[in-house]
Every structure is written in C-alpha cells, then in structure tokens.
Amino acid sequence: MQHQDTTPVQIAELFFSHWNHNRIDEALLMLADDVLYDNVPFPDIVGRDAVGAFHRGFGVGTEFLLDWKVTHIAAAGNVVLNERIDIFRHRDGGAITLPVMGTITVKDGRITVWRDYFDPADFDRQLARIRGAATA
C-alpha cells in the first residue's frame, strides 16, 4: 500500500524501479484493482490481474528483463508524464530498445491509469530479430 503523502512522481518512479528490478508482483500491487492499461495502439486492458497476465504472457521477468530508463518526468496534478527509453533484454542475448511516451494517473496512492505510446512496428521488427536469432 502506498502512503497518501507520496507524490504521484515518486509513485511513478517506484513503479518503474520495481519493473527494472524484476519485482513484478510489487509493481502490480501499485495498480488499482480496476486499473486501465492503455498500451496504445492496442486494445485496453482492464484490471490488475489482466495487466499481470499480459506482461507475463509476453515473457516479462522470464524471457525478458526490463531496463526502462525514464529520461523526463513531470506531473500535472495527479497525472505523471514520463518519457522513457524502454529496453527489453532477452535471456539469450539481444535487446529491444524502444522510445516511449507515457502517462500514469494516481488516485489515493494507486495507479488507476497507465498509458504508453510507442511505435509497434519498430517493436515488432526488433522482436522478430531477437526471436529469429534465438531459434537459429
């Protein structure tokens, strides 16, 4: 549980730190039960459990370890804007490096909306290269 006196920026920074240290369960606990995860341009995912299933289904924490570098962060009220370079390091070598712009909305110490914007074609090209190399 987050403390009410923790700022939205501090919550966002801790959230990304949990992902980067493979503390996925701790990161997920920072989400509201009914969180909206809007991974633009893909369909919305609603609910903490569904967000966890999505990331684990992709291999976060097993096939891929994360290194999400926040390059800029600012808040307007309870909305945190974050510009990042997201790096997904594959267990067999190689990495996906992706510029991301995102927002996190915090209410009562929990993340209620997590929205990321990125180029899915760039992500898919890099993923295909990694997975192709892993099976070769």
N, C-alpha and C. Protein backbone atom coordinates (compact mmCIF):
# COMPACT_ATOMS: atom_id res chain seq x y z
N MET A 1 0.84 -1.19 0.00
CA MET A 1 0.00 0.00 0.00
C MET A 1 0.88 1.24 0.00
N GLN A 2 0.53 2.21 -0.82
CA GLN A 2 1.28 3.45 -0.90
C GLN A 2 0.81 4.43 0.15
N HIS A 3 1.72 5.25 0.63
CA HIS A 3 1.36 6.27 1.60
C HIS A 3 0.69 7.43 0.88
N GLN A 4 -0.29 8.01 1.51
CA GLN A 4 -1.02 9.12 0.91
C GLN A 4 -0.13 10.34 0.68
N ASP A 5 0.96 10.48 1.45
CA ASP A 5 1.82 11.66 1.30
C ASP A 5 2.90 11.47 0.22
N THR A 6 2.91 10.32 -0.45
CA THR A 6 3.84 10.09 -1.54
C THR A 6 3.30 10.80 -2.78
N THR A 7 4.17 11.54 -3.47
CA THR A 7 3.71 12.28 -4.64
C THR A 7 3.48 11.34 -5.83
N PRO A 8 2.67 11.76 -6.80
CA PRO A 8 2.49 10.94 -8.00
C PRO A 8 3.81 10.65 -8.72
N VAL A 9 4.72 11.61 -8.76
CA VAL A 9 6.02 11.36 -9.41
C VAL A 9 6.79 10.29 -8.66
N GLN A 10 6.80 10.35 -7.33
CA GLN A 10 7.50 9.32 -6.54
C GLN A 10 6.88 7.95 -6.76
N ILE A 11 5.57 7.89 -6.87
CA ILE A 11 4.89 6.62 -7.14
C ILE A 11 5.30 6.09 -8.50
N ALA A 12 5.32 6.95 -9.52
CA ALA A 12 5.73 6.52 -10.86
C ALA A 12 7.17 6.03 -10.87
N GLU A 13 8.05 6.74 -10.20
CA GLU A 13 9.47 6.34 -10.16
C GLU A 13 9.62 4.99 -9.48
N LEU A 14 8.92 4.78 -8.38
CA LEU A 14 8.99 3.49 -7.69
C LEU A 14 8.41 2.38 -8.57
N PHE A 15 7.33 2.66 -9.24
CA PHE A 15 6.69 1.69 -10.15
C PHE A 15 7.68 1.21 -11.20
N PHE A 16 8.34 2.14 -11.88
CA PHE A 16 9.30 1.74 -12.91
C PHE A 16 10.51 1.04 -12.29
N SER A 17 10.93 1.45 -11.12
CA SER A 17 12.04 0.79 -10.43
C SER A 17 11.70 -0.68 -10.15
N HIS A 18 10.48 -0.95 -9.72
CA HIS A 18 10.07 -2.34 -9.48
C HIS A 18 10.20 -3.17 -10.75
N TRP A 19 9.72 -2.65 -11.87
CA TRP A 19 9.85 -3.39 -13.14
C TRP A 19 11.32 -3.64 -13.45
N ASN A 20 12.15 -2.62 -13.29
CA ASN A 20 13.57 -2.73 -13.64
C ASN A 20 14.32 -3.72 -12.76
N HIS A 21 13.83 -3.96 -11.55
CA HIS A 21 14.48 -4.90 -10.64
C HIS A 21 13.75 -6.24 -10.59
N ASN A 22 12.91 -6.47 -11.59
CA ASN A 22 12.16 -7.73 -11.73
C ASN A 22 11.30 -8.03 -10.51
N ARG A 23 10.79 -6.96 -9.90
CA ARG A 23 9.85 -7.09 -8.78
C ARG A 23 8.44 -6.85 -9.34
N ILE A 24 8.04 -7.75 -10.21
CA ILE A 24 6.79 -7.58 -10.95
C ILE A 24 5.59 -7.57 -10.01
N ASP A 25 5.57 -8.47 -9.06
CA ASP A 25 4.43 -8.52 -8.13
C ASP A 25 4.30 -7.21 -7.36
N GLU A 26 5.43 -6.63 -6.95
CA GLU A 26 5.38 -5.35 -6.23
C GLU A 26 4.88 -4.24 -7.14
N ALA A 27 5.32 -4.25 -8.40
CA ALA A 27 4.83 -3.25 -9.36
C ALA A 27 3.32 -3.39 -9.55
N LEU A 28 2.86 -4.62 -9.72
CA LEU A 28 1.43 -4.84 -9.95
C LEU A 28 0.60 -4.42 -8.74
N LEU A 29 1.13 -4.58 -7.54
CA LEU A 29 0.39 -4.17 -6.35
C LEU A 29 0.20 -2.65 -6.27
N MET A 30 0.97 -1.92 -7.04
CA MET A 30 0.82 -0.46 -7.07
C MET A 30 -0.36 -0.03 -7.94
N LEU A 31 -0.90 -0.98 -8.72
CA LEU A 31 -2.02 -0.69 -9.59
C LEU A 31 -3.34 -0.84 -8.84
N ALA A 32 -4.30 -0.01 -9.17
CA ALA A 32 -5.65 -0.18 -8.64
C ALA A 32 -6.22 -1.49 -9.17
N ASP A 33 -7.13 -2.08 -8.43
CA ASP A 33 -7.75 -3.35 -8.86
C ASP A 33 -8.32 -3.23 -10.27
N ASP A 34 -8.92 -2.07 -10.57
CA ASP A 34 -9.59 -1.86 -11.86
C ASP A 34 -8.79 -0.94 -12.78
N VAL A 35 -7.47 -0.97 -12.67
CA VAL A 35 -6.60 -0.12 -13.47
C VAL A 35 -6.93 -0.26 -14.96
N LEU A 36 -6.80 0.86 -15.67
CA LEU A 36 -6.90 0.85 -17.13
C LEU A 36 -5.47 0.90 -17.67
N TYR A 37 -5.07 -0.12 -18.42
CA TYR A 37 -3.77 -0.15 -19.08
C TYR A 37 -4.03 0.05 -20.56
N ASP A 38 -3.64 1.21 -21.05
CA ASP A 38 -3.86 1.59 -22.44
C ASP A 38 -2.51 1.59 -23.13
N ASN A 39 -2.17 0.48 -23.74
CA ASN A 39 -0.90 0.28 -24.43
C ASN A 39 -1.13 0.63 -25.90
N VAL A 40 -1.21 1.94 -26.16
CA VAL A 40 -1.59 2.47 -27.47
C VAL A 40 -0.64 1.92 -28.52
N PRO A 41 -1.12 1.35 -29.60
CA PRO A 41 -2.46 1.39 -30.17
C PRO A 41 -3.29 0.12 -29.93
N PHE A 42 -2.90 -0.69 -28.98
CA PHE A 42 -3.58 -1.97 -28.76
C PHE A 42 -4.84 -1.78 -27.91
N PRO A 43 -5.72 -2.79 -27.89
CA PRO A 43 -6.94 -2.68 -27.08
C PRO A 43 -6.61 -2.50 -25.59
N ASP A 44 -7.47 -1.77 -24.91
CA ASP A 44 -7.31 -1.54 -23.48
C ASP A 44 -7.32 -2.86 -22.71
N ILE A 45 -6.58 -2.88 -21.63
CA ILE A 45 -6.60 -3.99 -20.68
C ILE A 45 -7.08 -3.40 -19.36
N VAL A 46 -8.06 -4.03 -18.76
CA VAL A 46 -8.63 -3.52 -17.52
C VAL A 46 -8.42 -4.53 -16.40
N GLY A 47 -7.87 -4.06 -15.29
CA GLY A 47 -7.70 -4.90 -14.11
C GLY A 47 -6.25 -5.29 -13.88
N ARG A 48 -5.87 -5.27 -12.62
CA ARG A 48 -4.50 -5.61 -12.22
C ARG A 48 -4.11 -7.01 -12.69
N ASP A 49 -4.99 -7.98 -12.49
CA ASP A 49 -4.66 -9.36 -12.88
C ASP A 49 -4.46 -9.48 -14.39
N ALA A 50 -5.28 -8.78 -15.16
CA ALA A 50 -5.15 -8.83 -16.62
C ALA A 50 -3.85 -8.17 -17.09
N VAL A 51 -3.45 -7.09 -16.42
CA VAL A 51 -2.18 -6.43 -16.75
C VAL A 51 -1.02 -7.39 -16.45
N GLY A 52 -1.06 -8.05 -15.32
CA GLY A 52 -0.03 -9.02 -14.98
C GLY A 52 0.02 -10.16 -15.98
N ALA A 53 -1.14 -10.69 -16.35
CA ALA A 53 -1.20 -11.79 -17.32
C ALA A 53 -0.63 -11.36 -18.67
N PHE A 54 -0.92 -10.14 -19.08
CA PHE A 54 -0.40 -9.63 -20.35
C PHE A 54 1.12 -9.61 -20.33
N HIS A 55 1.71 -9.04 -19.30
CA HIS A 55 3.17 -8.94 -19.25
C HIS A 55 3.84 -10.30 -19.07
N ARG A 56 3.28 -11.13 -18.22
CA ARG A 56 3.86 -12.46 -18.04
C ARG A 56 3.70 -13.31 -19.31
N GLY A 57 2.58 -13.13 -20.00
CA GLY A 57 2.36 -13.85 -21.25
C GLY A 57 3.38 -13.49 -22.32
N PHE A 58 3.86 -12.26 -22.27
CA PHE A 58 4.90 -11.83 -23.21
C PHE A 58 6.27 -12.34 -22.79
N GLY A 59 6.43 -12.67 -21.53
CA GLY A 59 7.72 -13.17 -21.05
C GLY A 59 8.48 -12.19 -20.18
N VAL A 60 7.81 -11.12 -19.72
CA VAL A 60 8.47 -10.17 -18.83
C VAL A 60 8.80 -10.89 -17.52
N GLY A 61 10.05 -10.78 -17.13
CA GLY A 61 10.51 -11.42 -15.90
C GLY A 61 11.11 -12.79 -16.11
N THR A 62 10.90 -13.37 -17.28
CA THR A 62 11.46 -14.69 -17.58
C THR A 62 12.27 -14.61 -18.88
N GLU A 63 11.61 -14.46 -20.00
CA GLU A 63 12.29 -14.34 -21.29
C GLU A 63 12.94 -12.97 -21.45
N PHE A 64 12.30 -11.95 -20.90
CA PHE A 64 12.80 -10.58 -20.99
C PHE A 64 12.94 -9.96 -19.61
N LEU A 65 14.08 -9.33 -19.35
CA LEU A 65 14.26 -8.49 -18.18
C LEU A 65 14.21 -7.05 -18.66
N LEU A 66 13.70 -6.17 -17.83
CA LEU A 66 13.44 -4.80 -18.24
C LEU A 66 14.46 -3.83 -17.70
N ASP A 67 14.73 -2.84 -18.52
CA ASP A 67 15.55 -1.70 -18.13
C ASP A 67 14.88 -0.48 -18.75
N TRP A 68 13.92 0.07 -18.01
CA TRP A 68 13.14 1.21 -18.51
C TRP A 68 13.77 2.47 -17.95
N LYS A 69 14.38 3.26 -18.82
CA LYS A 69 15.09 4.47 -18.42
C LYS A 69 14.16 5.68 -18.59
N VAL A 70 13.78 6.29 -17.48
CA VAL A 70 12.96 7.50 -17.53
C VAL A 70 13.89 8.67 -17.84
N THR A 71 13.68 9.31 -18.99
CA THR A 71 14.54 10.42 -19.39
C THR A 71 13.96 11.77 -18.97
N HIS A 72 12.63 11.86 -18.91
CA HIS A 72 11.95 13.08 -18.45
C HIS A 72 10.69 12.67 -17.70
N ILE A 73 10.40 13.40 -16.63
CA ILE A 73 9.20 13.11 -15.86
C ILE A 73 8.66 14.42 -15.30
N ALA A 74 7.36 14.57 -15.37
CA ALA A 74 6.72 15.77 -14.85
C ALA A 74 5.29 15.42 -14.48
N ALA A 75 4.73 16.19 -13.56
CA ALA A 75 3.36 15.93 -13.15
C ALA A 75 2.52 17.18 -13.29
N ALA A 76 1.27 16.96 -13.66
CA ALA A 76 0.24 17.99 -13.63
C ALA A 76 -0.87 17.41 -12.76
N GLY A 77 -0.92 17.85 -11.51
CA GLY A 77 -1.89 17.26 -10.59
C GLY A 77 -1.53 15.82 -10.33
N ASN A 78 -2.47 14.92 -10.56
CA ASN A 78 -2.23 13.50 -10.29
C ASN A 78 -1.83 12.72 -11.54
N VAL A 79 -1.55 13.42 -12.64
CA VAL A 79 -1.12 12.76 -13.88
C VAL A 79 0.38 12.99 -14.05
N VAL A 80 1.11 11.89 -14.21
CA VAL A 80 2.56 11.93 -14.38
C VAL A 80 2.88 11.62 -15.83
N LEU A 81 3.56 12.56 -16.48
CA LEU A 81 4.04 12.35 -17.84
C LEU A 81 5.45 11.79 -17.74
N ASN A 82 5.71 10.75 -18.52
CA ASN A 82 7.05 10.16 -18.46
C ASN A 82 7.51 9.80 -19.86
N GLU A 83 8.68 10.29 -20.20
CA GLU A 83 9.34 9.94 -21.44
C GLU A 83 10.42 8.94 -21.08
N ARG A 84 10.45 7.82 -21.82
CA ARG A 84 11.35 6.74 -21.45
C ARG A 84 12.03 6.13 -22.68
N ILE A 85 13.10 5.45 -22.41
CA ILE A 85 13.69 4.51 -23.35
C ILE A 85 13.51 3.15 -22.69
N ASP A 86 12.62 2.34 -23.24
CA ASP A 86 12.35 1.02 -22.67
C ASP A 86 13.23 -0.01 -23.35
N ILE A 87 14.00 -0.71 -22.55
CA ILE A 87 14.88 -1.76 -23.06
C ILE A 87 14.38 -3.09 -22.49
N PHE A 88 14.13 -4.03 -23.38
CA PHE A 88 13.72 -5.39 -23.03
C PHE A 88 14.91 -6.29 -23.37
N ARG A 89 15.62 -6.77 -22.36
CA ARG A 89 16.81 -7.60 -22.59
C ARG A 89 16.41 -9.07 -22.62
N HIS A 90 16.68 -9.71 -23.74
CA HIS A 90 16.31 -11.11 -23.93
C HIS A 90 17.31 -12.02 -23.22
N ARG A 91 16.80 -13.09 -22.64
CA ARG A 91 17.66 -14.02 -21.88
C ARG A 91 18.75 -14.66 -22.73
N ASP A 92 18.54 -14.76 -24.05
CA ASP A 92 19.53 -15.37 -24.94
C ASP A 92 20.40 -14.33 -25.63
N GLY A 93 20.33 -13.09 -25.17
CA GLY A 93 21.09 -12.00 -25.80
C GLY A 93 20.17 -11.16 -26.67
N GLY A 94 20.65 -10.01 -27.00
CA GLY A 94 19.85 -9.10 -27.80
C GLY A 94 18.89 -8.31 -26.92
N ALA A 95 18.41 -7.23 -27.49
CA ALA A 95 17.51 -6.37 -26.74
C ALA A 95 16.61 -5.61 -27.70
N ILE A 96 15.47 -5.26 -27.20
CA ILE A 96 14.56 -4.35 -27.89
C ILE A 96 14.72 -3.01 -27.18
N THR A 97 15.00 -1.97 -27.94
CA THR A 97 15.14 -0.62 -27.40
C THR A 97 14.09 0.26 -28.04
N LEU A 98 13.25 0.85 -27.23
CA LEU A 98 12.05 1.50 -27.74
C LEU A 98 11.80 2.84 -27.04
N PRO A 99 11.72 3.93 -27.82
CA PRO A 99 11.28 5.19 -27.20
C PRO A 99 9.80 5.10 -26.85
N VAL A 100 9.45 5.59 -25.66
CA VAL A 100 8.07 5.53 -25.16
C VAL A 100 7.72 6.86 -24.53
N MET A 101 6.49 7.29 -24.75
CA MET A 101 5.92 8.42 -24.02
C MET A 101 4.72 7.88 -23.29
N GLY A 102 4.61 8.17 -22.00
CA GLY A 102 3.52 7.60 -21.24
C GLY A 102 2.94 8.54 -20.21
N THR A 103 1.81 8.12 -19.68
CA THR A 103 1.19 8.82 -18.56
C THR A 103 0.79 7.79 -17.52
N ILE A 104 0.83 8.23 -16.30
CA ILE A 104 0.34 7.43 -15.18
C ILE A 104 -0.56 8.35 -14.36
N THR A 105 -1.76 7.89 -14.08
CA THR A 105 -2.68 8.65 -13.24
C THR A 105 -2.75 7.98 -11.88
N VAL A 106 -2.60 8.76 -10.84
CA VAL A 106 -2.57 8.25 -9.47
C VAL A 106 -3.77 8.80 -8.70
N LYS A 107 -4.46 7.91 -8.02
CA LYS A 107 -5.56 8.31 -7.15
C LYS A 107 -5.46 7.50 -5.87
N ASP A 108 -5.52 8.18 -4.74
CA ASP A 108 -5.44 7.53 -3.43
C ASP A 108 -4.23 6.61 -3.31
N GLY A 109 -3.09 7.03 -3.89
CA GLY A 109 -1.85 6.29 -3.76
C GLY A 109 -1.71 5.10 -4.70
N ARG A 110 -2.67 4.88 -5.56
CA ARG A 110 -2.62 3.75 -6.51
C ARG A 110 -2.67 4.28 -7.95
N ILE A 111 -2.08 3.53 -8.85
CA ILE A 111 -2.11 3.87 -10.27
C ILE A 111 -3.44 3.38 -10.84
N THR A 112 -4.23 4.33 -11.34
CA THR A 112 -5.56 3.99 -11.89
C THR A 112 -5.56 3.93 -13.41
N VAL A 113 -4.62 4.65 -14.04
CA VAL A 113 -4.48 4.60 -15.50
C VAL A 113 -2.99 4.55 -15.82
N TRP A 114 -2.63 3.61 -16.70
CA TRP A 114 -1.25 3.52 -17.20
C TRP A 114 -1.38 3.51 -18.71
N ARG A 115 -0.84 4.54 -19.34
CA ARG A 115 -0.97 4.68 -20.80
C ARG A 115 0.41 4.89 -21.39
N ASP A 116 0.75 4.10 -22.41
CA ASP A 116 2.03 4.23 -23.11
C ASP A 116 1.80 4.36 -24.61
N TYR A 117 2.58 5.24 -25.22
CA TYR A 117 2.57 5.44 -26.67
C TYR A 117 3.93 5.06 -27.22
N PHE A 118 3.95 4.24 -28.26
CA PHE A 118 5.20 3.80 -28.87
C PHE A 118 4.92 3.35 -30.29
N ASP A 119 5.97 3.02 -31.04
CA ASP A 119 5.84 2.56 -32.42
C ASP A 119 5.82 1.03 -32.42
N PRO A 120 4.64 0.42 -32.60
CA PRO A 120 4.57 -1.04 -32.56
C PRO A 120 5.33 -1.72 -33.70
N ALA A 121 5.45 -1.07 -34.85
CA ALA A 121 6.19 -1.67 -35.96
C ALA A 121 7.67 -1.79 -35.60
N ASP A 122 8.21 -0.78 -34.96
CA ASP A 122 9.59 -0.81 -34.51
C ASP A 122 9.78 -1.94 -33.50
N PHE A 123 8.86 -2.05 -32.54
CA PHE A 123 8.91 -3.12 -31.55
C PHE A 123 8.88 -4.49 -32.23
N ASP A 124 7.94 -4.68 -33.15
CA ASP A 124 7.80 -5.98 -33.83
C ASP A 124 9.04 -6.34 -34.64
N ARG A 125 9.66 -5.37 -35.32
CA ARG A 125 10.88 -5.64 -36.08
C ARG A 125 11.99 -6.14 -35.16
N GLN A 126 12.16 -5.46 -34.05
CA GLN A 126 13.22 -5.86 -33.12
C GLN A 126 12.92 -7.21 -32.47
N LEU A 127 11.67 -7.44 -32.13
CA LEU A 127 11.28 -8.72 -31.54
C LEU A 127 11.52 -9.87 -32.52
N ALA A 128 11.17 -9.67 -33.78
CA ALA A 128 11.38 -10.72 -34.79
C ALA A 128 12.86 -11.04 -34.94
N ARG A 129 13.70 -10.02 -34.89
CA ARG A 129 15.14 -10.25 -34.99
C ARG A 129 15.66 -11.07 -33.80
N ILE A 130 15.20 -10.73 -32.60
CA ILE A 130 15.63 -11.45 -31.40
C ILE A 130 15.13 -12.89 -31.42
N ARG A 131 13.86 -13.06 -31.69
CA ARG A 131 13.30 -14.41 -31.68
C ARG A 131 13.83 -15.26 -32.82
N GLY A 132 14.13 -14.62 -33.95
CA GLY A 132 14.75 -15.33 -35.06
C GLY A 132 16.14 -15.81 -34.72
N ALA A 133 16.91 -14.96 -34.04
CA ALA A 133 18.26 -15.33 -33.62
C ALA A 133 18.24 -16.41 -32.56
N ALA A 134 17.22 -16.38 -31.70
CA ALA A 134 17.13 -17.37 -30.62
C ALA A 134 16.81 -18.76 -31.15
N THR A 135 16.11 -18.83 -32.28
CA THR A 135 15.74 -20.14 -32.83
C THR A 135 16.72 -20.62 -33.89
N ALA A 136 17.64 -19.77 -34.30
CA ALA A 136 18.59 -20.15 -35.36
C ALA A 136 19.67 -21.05 -34.82
